[in-house]
């Protein structure tokens, strides 16, 4: 087995990139475009696991980098009228989803991040990037908190791609620690397979009822039969148009997505940490090609929802406190 590892600064379609290699795997990270882990590939088998922009799509990707790779959403998803009540005041976030009158997806997925470390440790390659927001950072104008957010990605020839998140509150007041990843997965990702060869399983619990503005009502709705299959044994990823929001309910102590290619006998596992109390799943209107299983800490619009903070993932960090969590993407063979 090839276990050679490498890590270096390079280029991805004209953009500064950190490249990681380990055995049959390679990954590319774009620090200047939201810290987006834009590529995760199995080069021996020709698998492109994440949705990547084509060469003629780079301008559109840079204008809206939310549906390729693994974008960082902080704070994630929608906030009604852009309002964000926090610690006795109401912050006004920009309304960037104008048709629904919401703020959408926060500020980190379009920001420039710093490259802190790039290296190799035995069979593994790794990269550490970070962004620090203080009073002189442009993000502070909309999100007036001082904090640092660090991402460490590690690539291993048999263990796949690991993601480690570390957030520290640098300020005096409580920091809203609301986080998600808008992970875009190709289905199919195996050459020669079709979407009909695929089933996705997700550790969902209850489905939140949503308004026309895609904001939660605070109550649940019954799962459709296909959603029960999604939870239990797997379902075709494009059975319907999905922009669905669920509580997470770990199975066997693990909070994860499994995407199985029955023809190739391959399973992709996305093992998210249990700190992500919600799952979002979006499949681009049911159009075959890619879908987004999104691990999310908090309920959509959580600061504006009158439910217990622990139940809806309304988490804060006191001065100096840390939050950390890990996730992993890896392949299993049914052989």
C-alpha atoms as a PDB file:
ATOM      1  CA  UNK A   1       0.000   0.000   0.000  1.00  0.00           C
ATOM      2  CA  UNK A   2       1.200   3.490  -0.853  1.00  0.00           C
ATOM      3  CA  UNK A   3       1.469   5.410   2.430  1.00  0.00           C
ATOM      4  CA  UNK A   4       3.575   8.340   1.261  1.00  0.00           C
ATOM      5  CA  UNK A   5       2.414  11.685   2.635  1.00  0.00           C
ATOM      6  CA  UNK A   6       3.039  15.211   1.395  1.00  0.00           C
ATOM      7  CA  UNK A   7       1.803  18.708   2.219  1.00  0.00           C
ATOM      8  CA  UNK A   8       2.622  21.918   0.386  1.00  0.00           C
ATOM      9  CA  UNK A   9       1.380  25.314  -0.761  1.00  0.00           C
ATOM     10  CA  UNK A  10       0.269  25.273  -4.368  1.00  0.00           C
ATOM     11  CA  UNK A  11      -2.457  26.280  -6.779  1.00  0.00           C
ATOM     12  CA  UNK A  12      -6.074  25.243  -7.321  1.00  0.00           C
ATOM     13  CA  UNK A  13      -7.510  26.644 -10.550  1.00  0.00           C
ATOM     14  CA  UNK A  14      -5.579  29.877 -10.118  1.00  0.00           C
ATOM     15  CA  UNK A  15      -6.216  30.244  -6.386  1.00  0.00           C
ATOM     16  CA  UNK A  16      -3.771  29.801  -3.500  1.00  0.00           C
ATOM     17  CA  UNK A  17      -4.231  26.314  -2.081  1.00  0.00           C
ATOM     18  CA  UNK A  18      -2.833  23.969   0.531  1.00  0.00           C
ATOM     19  CA  UNK A  19      -2.477  20.462  -0.896  1.00  0.00           C
ATOM     20  CA  UNK A  20      -2.469  17.375   1.312  1.00  0.00           C
ATOM     21  CA  UNK A  21      -1.585  13.882   0.098  1.00  0.00           C
ATOM     22  CA  UNK A  22      -1.553  10.548   1.920  1.00  0.00           C
ATOM     23  CA  UNK A  23      -1.499   7.255   0.055  1.00  0.00           C
ATOM     24  CA  UNK A  24      -4.376   7.148  -2.426  1.00  0.00           C
ATOM     25  CA  UNK A  25      -5.981  10.297  -0.992  1.00  0.00           C
ATOM     26  CA  UNK A  26      -5.473  13.952  -1.761  1.00  0.00           C
ATOM     27  CA  UNK A  27      -7.228  17.092  -0.532  1.00  0.00           C
ATOM     28  CA  UNK A  28      -7.076  20.795  -1.345  1.00  0.00           C
ATOM     29  CA  UNK A  29      -7.827  23.686   1.003  1.00  0.00           C
ATOM     30  CA  UNK A  30      -8.504  27.282  -0.082  1.00  0.00           C
ATOM     31  CA  UNK A  31      -7.463  29.577   2.801  1.00  0.00           C
ATOM     32  CA  UNK A  32      -8.300  32.809   0.990  1.00  0.00           C
ATOM     33  CA  UNK A  33     -11.819  31.658   0.021  1.00  0.00           C
ATOM     34  CA  UNK A  34     -13.437  30.947   3.359  1.00  0.00           C
ATOM     35  CA  UNK A  35     -11.030  28.230   4.492  1.00  0.00           C
ATOM     36  CA  UNK A  36     -12.973  25.899   2.211  1.00  0.00           C
ATOM     37  CA  UNK A  37     -11.775  22.282   1.979  1.00  0.00           C
ATOM     38  CA  UNK A  38     -12.618  22.236  -1.702  1.00  0.00           C
ATOM     39  CA  UNK A  39     -11.418  18.765  -2.752  1.00  0.00           C
ATOM     40  CA  UNK A  40     -11.214  15.283  -1.236  1.00  0.00           C
ATOM     41  CA  UNK A  41     -10.242  12.638  -3.763  1.00  0.00           C
ATOM     42  CA  UNK A  42      -9.243   9.001  -4.071  1.00  0.00           C
ATOM     43  CA  UNK A  43      -6.726   9.289  -6.889  1.00  0.00           C
ATOM     44  CA  UNK A  44      -6.234   5.542  -7.362  1.00  0.00           C
ATOM     45  CA  UNK A  45      -9.921   4.956  -8.087  1.00  0.00           C
ATOM     46  CA  UNK A  46     -10.776   8.314  -9.619  1.00  0.00           C
ATOM     47  CA  UNK A  47     -13.248   9.339  -6.907  1.00  0.00           C
ATOM     48  CA  UNK A  48     -14.029  13.050  -6.475  1.00  0.00           C
ATOM     49  CA  UNK A  49     -15.999  12.904  -3.237  1.00  0.00           C
ATOM     50  CA  UNK A  50     -16.735  16.602  -2.740  1.00  0.00           C
ATOM     51  CA  UNK A  51     -18.415  18.824  -5.306  1.00  0.00           C
ATOM     52  CA  UNK A  52     -15.711  20.982  -6.870  1.00  0.00           C
ATOM     53  CA  UNK A  53     -16.126  23.972  -9.177  1.00  0.00           C
ATOM     54  CA  UNK A  54     -15.185  23.383 -12.802  1.00  0.00           C
ATOM     55  CA  UNK A  55     -12.562  25.678 -14.310  1.00  0.00           C
ATOM     56  CA  UNK A  56     -15.262  27.838 -15.925  1.00  0.00           C
ATOM     57  CA  UNK A  57     -17.202  28.026 -12.631  1.00  0.00           C
ATOM     58  CA  UNK A  58     -14.499  29.649 -10.488  1.00  0.00           C
ATOM     59  CA  UNK A  59     -15.869  33.185 -10.759  1.00  0.00           C
ATOM     60  CA  UNK A  60     -19.338  31.997  -9.745  1.00  0.00           C
ATOM     61  CA  UNK A  61     -17.822  29.920  -6.942  1.00  0.00           C
ATOM     62  CA  UNK A  62     -15.909  32.900  -5.553  1.00  0.00           C
ATOM     63  CA  UNK A  63     -19.079  35.016  -5.691  1.00  0.00           C
ATOM     64  CA  UNK A  64     -21.057  32.356  -3.791  1.00  0.00           C
ATOM     65  CA  UNK A  65     -18.767  29.710  -2.230  1.00  0.00           C
ATOM     66  CA  UNK A  66     -21.536  27.990  -0.283  1.00  0.00           C
ATOM     67  CA  UNK A  67     -22.303  24.910  -2.388  1.00  0.00           C
ATOM     68  CA  UNK A  68     -18.883  23.432  -3.137  1.00  0.00           C
ATOM     69  CA  UNK A  69     -16.465  21.641  -0.830  1.00  0.00           C
ATOM     70  CA  UNK A  70     -16.896  22.147   2.928  1.00  0.00           C
ATOM     71  CA  UNK A  71     -17.872  25.787   3.620  1.00  0.00           C
ATOM     72  CA  UNK A  72     -17.703  27.039   7.222  1.00  0.00           C
ATOM     73  CA  UNK A  73     -20.986  28.594   8.415  1.00  0.00           C
ATOM     74  CA  UNK A  74     -20.590  30.781  11.532  1.00  0.00           C
ATOM     75  CA  UNK A  75     -23.238  31.647  12.612  1.00  0.00           C
ATOM     76  CA  UNK A  76     -25.111  29.205  10.369  1.00  0.00           C
ATOM     77  CA  UNK A  77     -28.262  29.148   8.342  1.00  0.00           C
ATOM     78  CA  UNK A  78     -31.082  31.696   8.616  1.00  0.00           C
ATOM     79  CA  UNK A  79     -31.855  34.536  11.030  1.00  0.00           C
ATOM     80  CA  UNK A  80     -35.227  36.236  10.728  1.00  0.00           C
ATOM     81  CA  UNK A  81     -34.953  39.821   9.425  1.00  0.00           C
ATOM     82  CA  UNK A  82     -31.231  39.577  10.193  1.00  0.00           C
ATOM     83  CA  UNK A  83     -31.978  40.043  13.892  1.00  0.00           C
ATOM     84  CA  UNK A  84     -29.730  38.263  16.385  1.00  0.00           C
ATOM     85  CA  UNK A  85     -30.730  38.814  20.035  1.00  0.00           C
ATOM     86  CA  UNK A  86     -27.743  38.181  22.274  1.00  0.00           C
ATOM     87  CA  UNK A  87     -26.795  39.006  25.857  1.00  0.00           C
ATOM     88  CA  UNK A  88     -29.333  41.812  26.292  1.00  0.00           C
ATOM     89  CA  UNK A  89     -28.973  43.480  22.899  1.00  0.00           C
ATOM     90  CA  UNK A  90     -30.150  42.796  19.358  1.00  0.00           C
ATOM     91  CA  UNK A  91     -27.489  42.623  16.661  1.00  0.00           C
ATOM     92  CA  UNK A  92     -28.520  43.495  13.112  1.00  0.00           C
ATOM     93  CA  UNK A  93     -26.951  41.152  10.583  1.00  0.00           C
ATOM     94  CA  UNK A  94     -27.154  42.026   6.869  1.00  0.00           C
ATOM     95  CA  UNK A  95     -30.201  40.613   5.087  1.00  0.00           C
ATOM     96  CA  UNK A  96     -28.537  38.681   2.265  1.00  0.00           C
ATOM     97  CA  UNK A  97     -31.409  36.319   1.457  1.00  0.00           C
ATOM     98  CA  UNK A  98     -33.602  39.093   0.153  1.00  0.00           C
ATOM     99  CA  UNK A  99     -36.478  36.980  -1.187  1.00  0.00           C
ATOM    100  CA  UNK A 100     -37.131  35.652   2.330  1.00  0.00           C
ATOM    101  CA  UNK A 101     -35.855  38.609   4.343  1.00  0.00           C
ATOM    102  CA  UNK A 102     -33.252  36.620   6.277  1.00  0.00           C
ATOM    103  CA  UNK A 103     -29.576  36.723   7.033  1.00  0.00           C
ATOM    104  CA  UNK A 104     -27.993  33.544   5.687  1.00  0.00           C
ATOM    105  CA  UNK A 105     -24.815  31.627   6.643  1.00  0.00           C
ATOM    106  CA  UNK A 106     -22.677  34.090   8.576  1.00  0.00           C
ATOM    107  CA  UNK A 107     -19.339  35.570   7.597  1.00  0.00           C
ATOM    108  CA  UNK A 108     -16.508  33.048   7.654  1.00  0.00           C
ATOM    109  CA  UNK A 109     -17.239  31.132   4.441  1.00  0.00           C
ATOM    110  CA  UNK A 110     -16.257  34.145   2.303  1.00  0.00           C
ATOM    111  CA  UNK A 111     -13.428  35.500   4.499  1.00  0.00           C
ATOM    112  CA  UNK A 112      -9.673  35.096   4.103  1.00  0.00           C
ATOM    113  CA  UNK A 113      -8.017  32.744   6.600  1.00  0.00           C
ATOM    114  CA  UNK A 114      -4.385  32.502   7.688  1.00  0.00           C
ATOM    115  CA  UNK A 115      -2.225  29.456   6.997  1.00  0.00           C
ATOM    116  CA  UNK A 116      -0.574  28.565  10.315  1.00  0.00           C
ATOM    117  CA  UNK A 117       0.975  25.145   9.692  1.00  0.00           C
ATOM    118  CA  UNK A 118       1.498  22.768   6.791  1.00  0.00           C
ATOM    119  CA  UNK A 119       3.358  19.529   7.355  1.00  0.00           C
ATOM    120  CA  UNK A 120       3.751  15.767   7.489  1.00  0.00           C
ATOM    121  CA  UNK A 121       3.713  13.513  10.531  1.00  0.00           C
ATOM    122  CA  UNK A 122       4.605   9.959   9.539  1.00  0.00           C
ATOM    123  CA  UNK A 123       1.869   8.670   7.231  1.00  0.00           C
ATOM    124  CA  UNK A 124      -0.294  11.761   7.796  1.00  0.00           C
ATOM    125  CA  UNK A 125      -0.277  15.145   6.136  1.00  0.00           C
ATOM    126  CA  UNK A 126      -1.904  18.120   7.838  1.00  0.00           C
ATOM    127  CA  UNK A 127      -2.746  21.796   7.573  1.00  0.00           C
ATOM    128  CA  UNK A 128      -3.846  24.300  10.212  1.00  0.00           C
ATOM    129  CA  UNK A 129      -5.632  27.498   9.216  1.00  0.00           C
ATOM    130  CA  UNK A 130      -7.229  30.152  11.400  1.00  0.00           C
ATOM    131  CA  UNK A 131      -9.069  33.432  11.452  1.00  0.00           C
ATOM    132  CA  UNK A 132      -8.950  35.907  14.327  1.00  0.00           C
ATOM    133  CA  UNK A 133     -11.632  38.571  14.662  1.00  0.00           C
ATOM    134  CA  UNK A 134     -11.027  41.632  16.847  1.00  0.00           C
ATOM    135  CA  UNK A 135     -12.201  45.235  16.648  1.00  0.00           C
ATOM    136  CA  UNK A 136     -10.097  46.006  13.574  1.00  0.00           C
ATOM    137  CA  UNK A 137     -11.424  43.063  11.512  1.00  0.00           C
ATOM    138  CA  UNK A 138     -14.220  43.751   8.945  1.00  0.00           C
ATOM    139  CA  UNK A 139     -16.374  40.938  10.392  1.00  0.00           C
ATOM    140  CA  UNK A 140     -16.453  42.703  13.788  1.00  0.00           C
ATOM    141  CA  UNK A 141     -18.716  45.398  12.325  1.00  0.00           C
ATOM    142  CA  UNK A 142     -21.496  42.822  11.926  1.00  0.00           C
ATOM    143  CA  UNK A 143     -20.496  40.312  14.606  1.00  0.00           C
ATOM    144  CA  UNK A 144     -18.934  42.426  17.388  1.00  0.00           C
ATOM    145  CA  UNK A 145     -17.095  39.711  19.295  1.00  0.00           C
ATOM    146  CA  UNK A 146     -13.410  38.909  19.620  1.00  0.00           C
ATOM    147  CA  UNK A 147     -12.566  35.297  18.901  1.00  0.00           C
ATOM    148  CA  UNK A 148     -10.256  32.975  17.046  1.00  0.00           C
ATOM    149  CA  UNK A 149     -11.429  30.038  14.936  1.00  0.00           C
ATOM    150  CA  UNK A 150      -8.928  27.330  14.010  1.00  0.00           C
ATOM    151  CA  UNK A 151      -9.390  24.439  11.591  1.00  0.00           C
ATOM    152  CA  UNK A 152      -6.985  21.503  11.391  1.00  0.00           C
ATOM    153  CA  UNK A 153      -7.339  19.038   8.525  1.00  0.00           C
ATOM    154  CA  UNK A 154      -5.441  15.757   8.576  1.00  0.00           C
ATOM    155  CA  UNK A 155      -5.198  13.244   5.737  1.00  0.00           C
ATOM    156  CA  UNK A 156      -4.302   9.590   6.407  1.00  0.00           C
ATOM    157  CA  UNK A 157      -3.936   6.742   3.865  1.00  0.00           C
ATOM    158  CA  UNK A 158      -6.456   4.478   5.631  1.00  0.00           C
ATOM    159  CA  UNK A 159      -8.330   6.817   8.000  1.00  0.00           C
ATOM    160  CA  UNK A 160      -9.315   9.391   5.411  1.00  0.00           C
ATOM    161  CA  UNK A 161      -9.906  13.076   6.102  1.00  0.00           C
ATOM    162  CA  UNK A 162     -10.209  14.370   9.675  1.00  0.00           C
ATOM    163  CA  UNK A 163     -11.418  17.836  10.648  1.00  0.00           C
ATOM    164  CA  UNK A 164     -10.711  19.403  14.043  1.00  0.00           C
ATOM    165  CA  UNK A 165     -12.453  22.649  15.053  1.00  0.00           C
ATOM    166  CA  UNK A 166     -11.167  24.893  17.847  1.00  0.00           C
ATOM    167  CA  UNK A 167     -12.921  28.163  18.772  1.00  0.00           C
ATOM    168  CA  UNK A 168     -11.724  30.449  21.572  1.00  0.00           C
ATOM    169  CA  UNK A 169     -13.487  33.494  23.011  1.00  0.00           C
ATOM    170  CA  UNK A 170     -10.930  36.316  23.173  1.00  0.00           C
ATOM    171  CA  UNK A 171     -13.391  38.904  24.472  1.00  0.00           C
ATOM    172  CA  UNK A 172     -15.006  39.769  27.792  1.00  0.00           C
ATOM    173  CA  UNK A 173     -18.631  39.015  26.915  1.00  0.00           C
ATOM    174  CA  UNK A 174     -20.181  35.651  26.023  1.00  0.00           C
ATOM    175  CA  UNK A 175     -19.483  34.551  22.457  1.00  0.00           C
ATOM    176  CA  UNK A 176     -22.283  32.912  20.435  1.00  0.00           C
ATOM    177  CA  UNK A 177     -20.844  29.567  19.370  1.00  0.00           C
ATOM    178  CA  UNK A 178     -23.175  28.571  16.525  1.00  0.00           C
ATOM    179  CA  UNK A 179     -21.608  26.501  13.770  1.00  0.00           C
ATOM    180  CA  UNK A 180     -22.357  24.310  10.743  1.00  0.00           C
ATOM    181  CA  UNK A 181     -20.666  22.953   7.652  1.00  0.00           C
ATOM    182  CA  UNK A 182     -22.453  23.091   4.278  1.00  0.00           C
ATOM    183  CA  UNK A 183     -20.714  19.927   3.058  1.00  0.00           C
ATOM    184  CA  UNK A 184     -21.382  19.193  -0.637  1.00  0.00           C
ATOM    185  CA  UNK A 185     -21.114  15.489  -1.550  1.00  0.00           C
ATOM    186  CA  UNK A 186     -21.121  14.133  -5.079  1.00  0.00           C
ATOM    187  CA  UNK A 187     -23.598  11.314  -5.746  1.00  0.00           C
ATOM    188  CA  UNK A 188     -22.459   9.569  -7.808  1.00  0.00           C
ATOM    189  CA  UNK A 189     -18.763   9.931  -6.972  1.00  0.00           C
ATOM    190  CA  UNK A 190     -17.662   6.580  -8.440  1.00  0.00           C
ATOM    191  CA  UNK A 191     -16.883   6.599 -12.190  1.00  0.00           C
ATOM    192  CA  UNK A 192     -19.312   4.334 -14.038  1.00  0.00           C
ATOM    193  CA  UNK A 193     -21.995   4.491 -11.339  1.00  0.00           C
ATOM    194  CA  UNK A 194     -25.284   6.342 -11.601  1.00  0.00           C
ATOM    195  CA  UNK A 195     -27.312   8.108  -8.935  1.00  0.00           C
ATOM    196  CA  UNK A 196     -29.680   5.120  -8.912  1.00  0.00           C
ATOM    197  CA  UNK A 197     -26.860   3.045  -7.399  1.00  0.00           C
ATOM    198  CA  UNK A 198     -26.822   5.259  -4.280  1.00  0.00           C
ATOM    199  CA  UNK A 199     -28.551   5.275  -0.924  1.00  0.00           C
ATOM    200  CA  UNK A 200     -27.996   7.767   1.878  1.00  0.00           C
ATOM    201  CA  UNK A 201     -28.572   7.126   5.567  1.00  0.00           C
ATOM    202  CA  UNK A 202     -28.517   9.891   8.176  1.00  0.00           C
ATOM    203  CA  UNK A 203     -28.834   9.831  11.967  1.00  0.00           C
ATOM    204  CA  UNK A 204     -31.897  12.065  12.062  1.00  0.00           C
ATOM    205  CA  UNK A 205     -34.498  12.298  14.805  1.00  0.00           C
ATOM    206  CA  UNK A 206     -37.460  14.663  14.406  1.00  0.00           C
ATOM    207  CA  UNK A 207     -38.145  16.969  11.468  1.00  0.00           C
ATOM    208  CA  UNK A 208     -38.730  20.613  12.276  1.00  0.00           C
ATOM    209  CA  UNK A 209     -41.810  22.268  10.766  1.00  0.00           C
ATOM    210  CA  UNK A 210     -40.821  25.371   8.798  1.00  0.00           C
ATOM    211  CA  UNK A 211     -42.541  28.540   7.626  1.00  0.00           C
ATOM    212  CA  UNK A 212     -42.502  29.769   4.019  1.00  0.00           C
ATOM    213  CA  UNK A 213     -39.398  31.764   4.981  1.00  0.00           C
ATOM    214  CA  UNK A 214     -37.688  28.500   5.986  1.00  0.00           C
ATOM    215  CA  UNK A 215     -37.734  29.420   9.664  1.00  0.00           C
ATOM    216  CA  UNK A 216     -38.752  26.863  12.313  1.00  0.00           C
ATOM    217  CA  UNK A 217     -42.170  27.116  13.905  1.00  0.00           C
ATOM    218  CA  UNK A 218     -40.889  25.430  17.076  1.00  0.00           C
ATOM    219  CA  UNK A 219     -42.895  22.261  16.458  1.00  0.00           C
ATOM    220  CA  UNK A 220     -42.213  19.021  14.617  1.00  0.00           C
ATOM    221  CA  UNK A 221     -43.888  17.374  11.645  1.00  0.00           C
ATOM    222  CA  UNK A 222     -44.282  13.691  10.895  1.00  0.00           C
ATOM    223  CA  UNK A 223     -41.577  11.977   8.892  1.00  0.00           C
ATOM    224  CA  UNK A 224     -42.539  10.815   5.406  1.00  0.00           C
ATOM    225  CA  UNK A 225     -41.934   7.120   4.629  1.00  0.00           C
ATOM    226  CA  UNK A 226     -38.821   8.062   2.634  1.00  0.00           C
ATOM    227  CA  UNK A 227     -37.483  10.020   5.608  1.00  0.00           C
ATOM    228  CA  UNK A 228     -37.945   6.965   7.790  1.00  0.00           C
ATOM    229  CA  UNK A 229     -35.867   5.077   5.216  1.00  0.00           C
ATOM    230  CA  UNK A 230     -33.295   7.892   5.382  1.00  0.00           C
ATOM    231  CA  UNK A 231     -33.073   7.288   9.130  1.00  0.00           C
ATOM    232  CA  UNK A 232     -33.198   3.480   9.121  1.00  0.00           C
ATOM    233  CA  UNK A 233     -31.789   1.723   6.045  1.00  0.00           C
ATOM    234  CA  UNK A 234     -31.032   4.407   3.482  1.00  0.00           C
ATOM    235  CA  UNK A 235     -32.895   6.036   0.601  1.00  0.00           C
ATOM    236  CA  UNK A 236     -32.202   7.398  -2.873  1.00  0.00           C
ATOM    237  CA  UNK A 237     -30.697  10.870  -2.282  1.00  0.00           C
ATOM    238  CA  UNK A 238     -32.955  12.569  -4.836  1.00  0.00           C
ATOM    239  CA  UNK A 239     -36.331  11.011  -3.961  1.00  0.00           C
ATOM    240  CA  UNK A 240     -37.763  14.533  -3.576  1.00  0.00           C
ATOM    241  CA  UNK A 241     -36.604  18.119  -3.352  1.00  0.00           C
ATOM    242  CA  UNK A 242     -35.123  18.465   0.129  1.00  0.00           C
ATOM    243  CA  UNK A 243     -34.330  21.533   2.195  1.00  0.00           C
ATOM    244  CA  UNK A 244     -35.141  19.723   5.420  1.00  0.00           C
ATOM    245  CA  UNK A 245     -34.135  20.353   9.007  1.00  0.00           C
ATOM    246  CA  UNK A 246     -33.917  17.620  11.624  1.00  0.00           C
ATOM    247  CA  UNK A 247     -32.744  17.013  15.137  1.00  0.00           C
ATOM    248  CA  UNK A 248     -29.757  14.704  15.314  1.00  0.00           C
ATOM    249  CA  UNK A 249     -30.271  11.360  16.998  1.00  0.00           C
ATOM    250  CA  UNK A 250     -27.030   9.371  17.177  1.00  0.00           C
ATOM    251  CA  UNK A 251     -27.146   5.664  16.445  1.00  0.00           C
ATOM    252  CA  UNK A 252     -24.666   3.430  18.218  1.00  0.00           C
ATOM    253  CA  UNK A 253     -23.162   6.508  19.844  1.00  0.00           C
ATOM    254  CA  UNK A 254     -22.293   8.055  16.490  1.00  0.00           C
ATOM    255  CA  UNK A 255     -23.729  10.985  14.585  1.00  0.00           C
ATOM    256  CA  UNK A 256     -23.131  10.329  10.913  1.00  0.00           C
ATOM    257  CA  UNK A 257     -24.112  10.092   7.274  1.00  0.00           C
ATOM    258  CA  UNK A 258     -23.512   6.940   5.235  1.00  0.00           C
ATOM    259  CA  UNK A 259     -23.620   7.077   1.432  1.00  0.00           C
ATOM    260  CA  UNK A 260     -23.514   3.651  -0.197  1.00  0.00           C
ATOM    261  CA  UNK A 261     -22.756   2.852  -3.832  1.00  0.00           C
ATOM    262  CA  UNK A 262     -24.323  -0.613  -4.263  1.00  0.00           C
ATOM    263  CA  UNK A 263     -22.781  -1.211  -7.688  1.00  0.00           C
ATOM    264  CA  UNK A 264     -19.208  -0.484  -6.575  1.00  0.00           C
ATOM    265  CA  UNK A 265     -19.595  -1.899  -3.060  1.00  0.00           C
ATOM    266  CA  UNK A 266     -18.274   1.331  -1.531  1.00  0.00           C
ATOM    267  CA  UNK A 267     -19.573   3.301   1.441  1.00  0.00           C
ATOM    268  CA  UNK A 268     -18.649   6.888   2.269  1.00  0.00           C
ATOM    269  CA  UNK A 269     -18.948   7.687   5.973  1.00  0.00           C
ATOM    270  CA  UNK A 270     -19.249  11.265   7.250  1.00  0.00           C
ATOM    271  CA  UNK A 271     -18.843  10.892  11.004  1.00  0.00           C
ATOM    272  CA  UNK A 272     -19.725  14.234  12.606  1.00  0.00           C
ATOM    273  CA  UNK A 273     -19.253  14.865  16.295  1.00  0.00           C
ATOM    274  CA  UNK A 274     -22.183  14.671  18.677  1.00  0.00           C
ATOM    275  CA  UNK A 275     -21.919  18.415  19.453  1.00  0.00           C
ATOM    276  CA  UNK A 276     -23.825  18.887  16.193  1.00  0.00           C
ATOM    277  CA  UNK A 277     -27.375  18.564  17.513  1.00  0.00           C
ATOM    278  CA  UNK A 278     -29.065  19.201  14.162  1.00  0.00           C
ATOM    279  CA  UNK A 279     -28.823  17.853  10.623  1.00  0.00           C
ATOM    280  CA  UNK A 280     -29.773  19.844   7.559  1.00  0.00           C
ATOM    281  CA  UNK A 281     -30.094  18.095   4.208  1.00  0.00           C
ATOM    282  CA  UNK A 282     -30.354  20.004   0.950  1.00  0.00           C
ATOM    283  CA  UNK A 283     -30.246  18.404  -2.495  1.00  0.00           C
ATOM    284  CA  UNK A 284     -30.483  21.327  -4.905  1.00  0.00           C
ATOM    285  CA  UNK A 285     -34.142  20.789  -5.683  1.00  0.00           C
ATOM    286  CA  UNK A 286     -33.682  17.050  -6.212  1.00  0.00           C
ATOM    287  CA  UNK A 287     -31.457  17.557  -9.253  1.00  0.00           C
ATOM    288  CA  UNK A 288     -29.060  14.635  -9.632  1.00  0.00           C
ATOM    289  CA  UNK A 289     -25.420  15.461  -9.023  1.00  0.00           C
ATOM    290  CA  UNK A 290     -24.753  16.451  -5.421  1.00  0.00           C
ATOM    291  CA  UNK A 291     -26.435  16.959  -2.075  1.00  0.00           C
ATOM    292  CA  UNK A 292     -25.466  18.582   1.202  1.00  0.00           C
ATOM    293  CA  UNK A 293     -25.680  16.708   4.519  1.00  0.00           C
ATOM    294  CA  UNK A 294     -24.960  19.573   6.935  1.00  0.00           C
ATOM    295  CA  UNK A 295     -23.989  18.941  10.564  1.00  0.00           C
ATOM    296  CA  UNK A 296     -25.168  21.947  12.573  1.00  0.00           C
ATOM    297  CA  UNK A 297     -24.861  22.811  16.253  1.00  0.00           C
ATOM    298  CA  UNK A 298     -27.968  24.947  16.561  1.00  0.00           C
ATOM    299  CA  UNK A 299     -31.520  25.144  15.330  1.00  0.00           C
ATOM    300  CA  UNK A 300     -32.104  27.587  12.491  1.00  0.00           C
ATOM    301  CA  UNK A 301     -32.870  31.087  13.852  1.00  0.00           C
ATOM    302  CA  UNK A 302     -32.088  29.823  17.372  1.00  0.00           C
ATOM    303  CA  UNK A 303     -31.635  33.224  19.112  1.00  0.00           C
ATOM    304  CA  UNK A 304     -35.183  34.151  18.021  1.00  0.00           C
ATOM    305  CA  UNK A 305     -36.819  30.851  19.055  1.00  0.00           C
ATOM    306  CA  UNK A 306     -38.506  30.550  22.455  1.00  0.00           C
ATOM    307  CA  UNK A 307     -37.262  27.067  23.368  1.00  0.00           C
ATOM    308  CA  UNK A 308     -34.681  25.941  25.945  1.00  0.00           C
ATOM    309  CA  UNK A 309     -31.141  26.885  24.886  1.00  0.00           C
ATOM    310  CA  UNK A 310     -29.791  23.381  25.458  1.00  0.00           C
ATOM    311  CA  UNK A 311     -32.531  21.869  23.298  1.00  0.00           C
ATOM    312  CA  UNK A 312     -31.853  24.138  20.330  1.00  0.00           C
ATOM    313  CA  UNK A 313     -28.072  24.337  20.608  1.00  0.00           C
ATOM    314  CA  UNK A 314     -27.905  27.984  21.633  1.00  0.00           C
ATOM    315  CA  UNK A 315     -24.359  27.699  22.954  1.00  0.00           C
ATOM    316  CA  UNK A 316     -22.124  30.453  24.312  1.00  0.00           C
ATOM    317  CA  UNK A 317     -18.489  30.596  25.368  1.00  0.00           C
ATOM    318  CA  UNK A 318     -17.453  32.682  28.372  1.00  0.00           C
ATOM    319  CA  UNK A 319     -14.260  34.748  28.347  1.00  0.00           C
ATOM    320  CA  UNK A 320     -11.299  32.508  27.485  1.00  0.00           C
ATOM    321  CA  UNK A 321     -13.416  29.380  26.984  1.00  0.00           C
ATOM    322  CA  UNK A 322     -12.843  26.912  24.175  1.00  0.00           C
ATOM    323  CA  UNK A 323     -15.066  24.801  21.977  1.00  0.00           C
ATOM    324  CA  UNK A 324     -13.702  21.897  19.981  1.00  0.00           C
ATOM    325  CA  UNK A 325     -15.121  19.050  17.933  1.00  0.00           C
ATOM    326  CA  UNK A 326     -13.943  16.572  15.323  1.00  0.00           C
ATOM    327  CA  UNK A 327     -15.441  15.025  12.202  1.00  0.00           C
ATOM    328  CA  UNK A 328     -14.150  12.530   9.663  1.00  0.00           C
ATOM    329  CA  UNK A 329     -14.815  11.489   6.065  1.00  0.00           C
ATOM    330  CA  UNK A 330     -13.623   8.040   5.034  1.00  0.00           C
ATOM    331  CA  UNK A 331     -14.383   5.161   2.682  1.00  0.00           C
ATOM    332  CA  UNK A 332     -15.341   1.578   3.492  1.00  0.00           C
ATOM    333  CA  UNK A 333     -15.341  -1.348   1.072  1.00  0.00           C
ATOM    334  CA  UNK A 334     -18.041  -4.010   1.263  1.00  0.00           C
ATOM    335  CA  UNK A 335     -15.499  -6.635   0.164  1.00  0.00           C
END
